[in-house]
Amino acid sequence: MTLPTKVIDRLFDRLALSYGSEFKNKWSNVDANTIKSHWAHELSTFEDNLKAIGWALEHLPDNCPNLMQFKTLCKQAPKSDYKHLESPKAPLDLVDSEILKMVKTLVEPQKDKDYKEWARRLKARDEAGEVLSPHQIWSYKTALELLPKQRL
């Protein structure tokens, strides 16, 4: 594995800005892509820890480092205090059974459930003299089929 080209390009840009001609002249006789490819391969151990490369860039020595010196500098980066934990994975049979329960609830109506209970409660409140909005009255009457049928 190697580091992404974007990371290496940014690294080389930062080193060139920091050291100027000292960095550019260091490999003037070698193809730039060959150098970048070699650095990408050698620094691939930091693929999951790009912060180490960032730390090394913030703590550069006075003289332009070669690849091995830069790699050593990356290894000196402080370790993070926390570990990334993987999310626990649920057993597939448990996931399947839970999905099946949800589908049954949506597809199969519950036999003992009164789906118009909300409308009956609104009707009882209206009959008890509570002031309901016209929309509440229309809703419960429509649900309980208390409105006269309209012909189209």
C-alpha atoms as a PDB file:
ATOM      1  CA  MET A   1       0.000   0.000   0.000  1.00  0.00           C
ATOM      2  CA  THR A   2       1.029   3.581  -0.482  1.00  0.00           C
ATOM      3  CA  LEU A   3      -0.191   6.945   0.678  1.00  0.00           C
ATOM      4  CA  PRO A   4      -2.631   8.754  -1.614  1.00  0.00           C
ATOM      5  CA  THR A   5      -1.048  11.034  -4.217  1.00  0.00           C
ATOM      6  CA  LYS A   6      -2.884  14.003  -2.705  1.00  0.00           C
ATOM      7  CA  VAL A   7      -1.137  13.474   0.644  1.00  0.00           C
ATOM      8  CA  ILE A   8       2.310  13.160  -0.943  1.00  0.00           C
ATOM      9  CA  ASP A   9       1.758  16.214  -3.158  1.00  0.00           C
ATOM     10  CA  ARG A  10       0.751  18.264  -0.126  1.00  0.00           C
ATOM     11  CA  LEU A  11       3.748  16.956   1.821  1.00  0.00           C
ATOM     12  CA  PHE A  12       6.141  17.914  -0.972  1.00  0.00           C
ATOM     13  CA  ASP A  13       4.511  21.345  -1.291  1.00  0.00           C
ATOM     14  CA  ARG A  14       5.005  21.969   2.444  1.00  0.00           C
ATOM     15  CA  LEU A  15       8.617  20.760   2.364  1.00  0.00           C
ATOM     16  CA  ALA A  16       9.349  22.899  -0.701  1.00  0.00           C
ATOM     17  CA  LEU A  17       7.843  25.955   1.009  1.00  0.00           C
ATOM     18  CA  SER A  18       9.776  25.268   4.205  1.00  0.00           C
ATOM     19  CA  TYR A  19      13.190  24.541   2.670  1.00  0.00           C
ATOM     20  CA  GLY A  20      12.981  26.216  -0.726  1.00  0.00           C
ATOM     21  CA  SER A  21      15.813  25.398  -3.134  1.00  0.00           C
ATOM     22  CA  GLU A  22      17.499  23.099  -0.597  1.00  0.00           C
ATOM     23  CA  PHE A  23      14.564  20.711  -0.914  1.00  0.00           C
ATOM     24  CA  LYS A  24      14.130  21.109  -4.688  1.00  0.00           C
ATOM     25  CA  ASN A  25      17.833  20.654  -5.445  1.00  0.00           C
ATOM     26  CA  LYS A  26      18.127  17.569  -3.253  1.00  0.00           C
ATOM     27  CA  TRP A  27      16.575  15.405  -5.990  1.00  0.00           C
ATOM     28  CA  SER A  28      17.126  17.518  -9.103  1.00  0.00           C
ATOM     29  CA  ASN A  29      18.633  14.550 -10.993  1.00  0.00           C
ATOM     30  CA  VAL A  30      15.744  12.165 -10.263  1.00  0.00           C
ATOM     31  CA  ASP A  31      12.257  12.075 -11.774  1.00  0.00           C
ATOM     32  CA  ALA A  32       9.796  13.790  -9.400  1.00  0.00           C
ATOM     33  CA  ASN A  33       7.169  11.032  -9.771  1.00  0.00           C
ATOM     34  CA  THR A  34       9.745   8.372  -8.877  1.00  0.00           C
ATOM     35  CA  ILE A  35      10.689  10.264  -5.713  1.00  0.00           C
ATOM     36  CA  LYS A  36       7.061  10.835  -4.733  1.00  0.00           C
ATOM     37  CA  SER A  37       6.235   7.181  -5.363  1.00  0.00           C
ATOM     38  CA  HIS A  38       9.126   6.065  -3.139  1.00  0.00           C
ATOM     39  CA  TRP A  39       8.101   8.460  -0.341  1.00  0.00           C
ATOM     40  CA  ALA A  40       4.476   7.296  -0.641  1.00  0.00           C
ATOM     41  CA  HIS A  41       5.572   3.681  -0.263  1.00  0.00           C
ATOM     42  CA  GLU A  42       7.958   4.332   2.640  1.00  0.00           C
ATOM     43  CA  LEU A  43       5.443   6.475   4.541  1.00  0.00           C
ATOM     44  CA  SER A  44       2.565   4.040   3.964  1.00  0.00           C
ATOM     45  CA  THR A  45       2.947   2.854   7.570  1.00  0.00           C
ATOM     46  CA  PHE A  46       1.293   6.154   8.515  1.00  0.00           C
ATOM     47  CA  GLU A  47      -1.700   5.630   6.221  1.00  0.00           C
ATOM     48  CA  ASP A  48      -4.001   5.216   9.235  1.00  0.00           C
ATOM     49  CA  ASN A  49      -2.255   7.955  11.191  1.00  0.00           C
ATOM     50  CA  LEU A  50      -1.861  10.995   8.957  1.00  0.00           C
ATOM     51  CA  LYS A  51      -1.685  13.118  12.100  1.00  0.00           C
ATOM     52  CA  ALA A  52       1.864  11.810  12.592  1.00  0.00           C
ATOM     53  CA  ILE A  53       2.842  13.282   9.219  1.00  0.00           C
ATOM     54  CA  GLY A  54       1.127  16.538  10.148  1.00  0.00           C
ATOM     55  CA  TRP A  55       2.976  16.563  13.470  1.00  0.00           C
ATOM     56  CA  ALA A  56       6.292  15.989  11.661  1.00  0.00           C
ATOM     57  CA  LEU A  57       5.548  18.918   9.345  1.00  0.00           C
ATOM     58  CA  GLU A  58       4.961  21.127  12.377  1.00  0.00           C
ATOM     59  CA  HIS A  59       8.267  20.020  13.960  1.00  0.00           C
ATOM     60  CA  LEU A  60      10.667  20.121  11.024  1.00  0.00           C
ATOM     61  CA  PRO A  61      14.407  20.371  11.746  1.00  0.00           C
ATOM     62  CA  ASP A  62      16.514  23.340  10.603  1.00  0.00           C
ATOM     63  CA  ASN A  63      18.071  21.357   7.744  1.00  0.00           C
ATOM     64  CA  CYS A  64      16.062  19.675   5.009  1.00  0.00           C
ATOM     65  CA  PRO A  65      15.439  16.036   6.029  1.00  0.00           C
ATOM     66  CA  ASN A  66      15.822  13.103   3.706  1.00  0.00           C
ATOM     67  CA  LEU A  67      13.129  10.415   3.612  1.00  0.00           C
ATOM     68  CA  MET A  68      14.522   8.341   6.488  1.00  0.00           C
ATOM     69  CA  GLN A  69      14.940  11.410   8.704  1.00  0.00           C
ATOM     70  CA  PHE A  70      11.375  12.504   7.949  1.00  0.00           C
ATOM     71  CA  LYS A  71      10.064   8.993   8.661  1.00  0.00           C
ATOM     72  CA  THR A  72      11.894   9.006  12.011  1.00  0.00           C
ATOM     73  CA  LEU A  73      10.348  12.371  12.785  1.00  0.00           C
ATOM     74  CA  CYS A  74       6.871  10.946  12.037  1.00  0.00           C
ATOM     75  CA  LYS A  75       7.548   8.080  14.462  1.00  0.00           C
ATOM     76  CA  GLN A  76       8.253  10.641  17.189  1.00  0.00           C
ATOM     77  CA  ALA A  77       4.712  12.042  16.962  1.00  0.00           C
ATOM     78  CA  PRO A  78       2.806  11.606  20.218  1.00  0.00           C
ATOM     79  CA  LYS A  79       0.377   8.708  20.262  1.00  0.00           C
ATOM     80  CA  SER A  80      -3.266   9.622  20.602  1.00  0.00           C
ATOM     81  CA  ASP A  81      -4.824   8.854  23.982  1.00  0.00           C
ATOM     82  CA  TYR A  82      -7.859   7.114  22.587  1.00  0.00           C
ATOM     83  CA  LYS A  83      -8.477   4.156  20.383  1.00  0.00           C
ATOM     84  CA  HIS A  84     -11.108   4.004  17.697  1.00  0.00           C
ATOM     85  CA  LEU A  85     -13.551   1.309  18.618  1.00  0.00           C
ATOM     86  CA  GLU A  86     -15.398  -0.613  16.005  1.00  0.00           C
ATOM     87  CA  SER A  87     -19.171  -0.598  16.232  1.00  0.00           C
ATOM     88  CA  PRO A  88     -20.487  -3.854  17.602  1.00  0.00           C
ATOM     89  CA  LYS A  89     -22.040  -6.036  14.957  1.00  0.00           C
ATOM     90  CA  ALA A  90     -25.429  -7.611  15.640  1.00  0.00           C
ATOM     91  CA  PRO A  91     -25.864 -11.260  14.663  1.00  0.00           C
ATOM     92  CA  LEU A  92     -27.596 -11.530  11.284  1.00  0.00           C
ATOM     93  CA  ASP A  93     -30.316 -13.829  12.623  1.00  0.00           C
ATOM     94  CA  LEU A  94     -31.223 -11.215  15.264  1.00  0.00           C
ATOM     95  CA  VAL A  95     -31.316  -8.449  12.635  1.00  0.00           C
ATOM     96  CA  ASP A  96     -33.500 -10.596  10.381  1.00  0.00           C
ATOM     97  CA  SER A  97     -35.951 -11.420  13.167  1.00  0.00           C
ATOM     98  CA  GLU A  98     -36.261  -7.745  14.196  1.00  0.00           C
ATOM     99  CA  ILE A  99     -36.872  -6.666  10.600  1.00  0.00           C
ATOM    100  CA  LEU A 100     -39.505  -9.392  10.269  1.00  0.00           C
ATOM    101  CA  LYS A 101     -41.266  -8.106  13.414  1.00  0.00           C
ATOM    102  CA  MET A 102     -41.333  -4.557  12.004  1.00  0.00           C
ATOM    103  CA  VAL A 103     -42.696  -5.733   8.656  1.00  0.00           C
ATOM    104  CA  LYS A 104     -45.425  -7.796  10.353  1.00  0.00           C
ATOM    105  CA  THR A 105     -46.446  -4.781  12.427  1.00  0.00           C
ATOM    106  CA  LEU A 106     -46.775  -2.674   9.274  1.00  0.00           C
ATOM    107  CA  VAL A 107     -48.444  -5.277   7.075  1.00  0.00           C
ATOM    108  CA  GLU A 108     -50.666  -7.226   9.444  1.00  0.00           C
ATOM    109  CA  PRO A 109     -53.149  -5.065  11.373  1.00  0.00           C
ATOM    110  CA  GLN A 110     -53.448  -5.869  15.042  1.00  0.00           C
ATOM    111  CA  LYS A 111     -56.803  -7.573  15.603  1.00  0.00           C
ATOM    112  CA  ASP A 112     -57.538  -6.145  19.048  1.00  0.00           C
ATOM    113  CA  LYS A 113     -56.339  -2.620  18.356  1.00  0.00           C
ATOM    114  CA  ASP A 114     -58.900   0.176  18.032  1.00  0.00           C
ATOM    115  CA  TYR A 115     -57.416   2.308  15.274  1.00  0.00           C
ATOM    116  CA  LYS A 116     -60.136   4.942  15.713  1.00  0.00           C
ATOM    117  CA  GLU A 117     -59.660   5.394  19.445  1.00  0.00           C
ATOM    118  CA  TRP A 118     -58.286   8.883  18.861  1.00  0.00           C
ATOM    119  CA  ALA A 119     -61.509   9.840  17.037  1.00  0.00           C
ATOM    120  CA  ARG A 120     -63.698   8.419  19.836  1.00  0.00           C
ATOM    121  CA  ARG A 121     -61.719  10.425  22.426  1.00  0.00           C
ATOM    122  CA  LEU A 122     -62.187  13.629  20.395  1.00  0.00           C
ATOM    123  CA  LYS A 123     -65.918  12.913  20.082  1.00  0.00           C
ATOM    124  CA  ALA A 124     -66.204  12.383  23.864  1.00  0.00           C
ATOM    125  CA  ARG A 125     -64.352  15.644  24.521  1.00  0.00           C
ATOM    126  CA  ASP A 126     -66.650  17.469  22.064  1.00  0.00           C
ATOM    127  CA  GLU A 127     -69.772  15.998  23.670  1.00  0.00           C
ATOM    128  CA  ALA A 128     -68.459  16.950  27.124  1.00  0.00           C
ATOM    129  CA  GLY A 129     -68.462  20.585  25.999  1.00  0.00           C
ATOM    130  CA  GLU A 130     -64.763  21.071  25.389  1.00  0.00           C
ATOM    131  CA  VAL A 131     -64.046  23.560  22.620  1.00  0.00           C
ATOM    132  CA  LEU A 132     -62.390  21.797  19.690  1.00  0.00           C
ATOM    133  CA  SER A 133     -61.118  23.318  16.494  1.00  0.00           C
ATOM    134  CA  PRO A 134     -63.234  22.868  13.377  1.00  0.00           C
ATOM    135  CA  HIS A 135     -60.513  20.609  11.968  1.00  0.00           C
ATOM    136  CA  GLN A 136     -60.598  18.332  15.039  1.00  0.00           C
ATOM    137  CA  ILE A 137     -64.385  18.034  14.757  1.00  0.00           C
ATOM    138  CA  TRP A 138     -64.245  17.343  11.027  1.00  0.00           C
ATOM    139  CA  SER A 139     -61.454  14.766  11.555  1.00  0.00           C
ATOM    140  CA  TYR A 140     -63.251  12.686  14.184  1.00  0.00           C
ATOM    141  CA  LYS A 141     -66.567  12.874  12.328  1.00  0.00           C
ATOM    142  CA  THR A 142     -64.895  11.784   9.097  1.00  0.00           C
ATOM    143  CA  ALA A 143     -63.068   8.923  10.811  1.00  0.00           C
ATOM    144  CA  LEU A 144     -66.228   7.717  12.565  1.00  0.00           C
ATOM    145  CA  GLU A 145     -68.301   8.255   9.408  1.00  0.00           C
ATOM    146  CA  LEU A 146     -70.651  10.696  11.120  1.00  0.00           C
ATOM    147  CA  LEU A 147     -70.767  13.200   8.272  1.00  0.00           C
ATOM    148  CA  PRO A 148     -73.504  12.939   5.667  1.00  0.00           C
ATOM    149  CA  LYS A 149     -72.382  11.244   2.479  1.00  0.00           C
ATOM    150  CA  GLN A 150     -71.772  13.680  -0.348  1.00  0.00           C
ATOM    151  CA  ARG A 151     -72.635  12.840  -3.913  1.00  0.00           C
ATOM    152  CA  LEU A 152     -70.216  13.710  -6.625  1.00  0.00           C
END
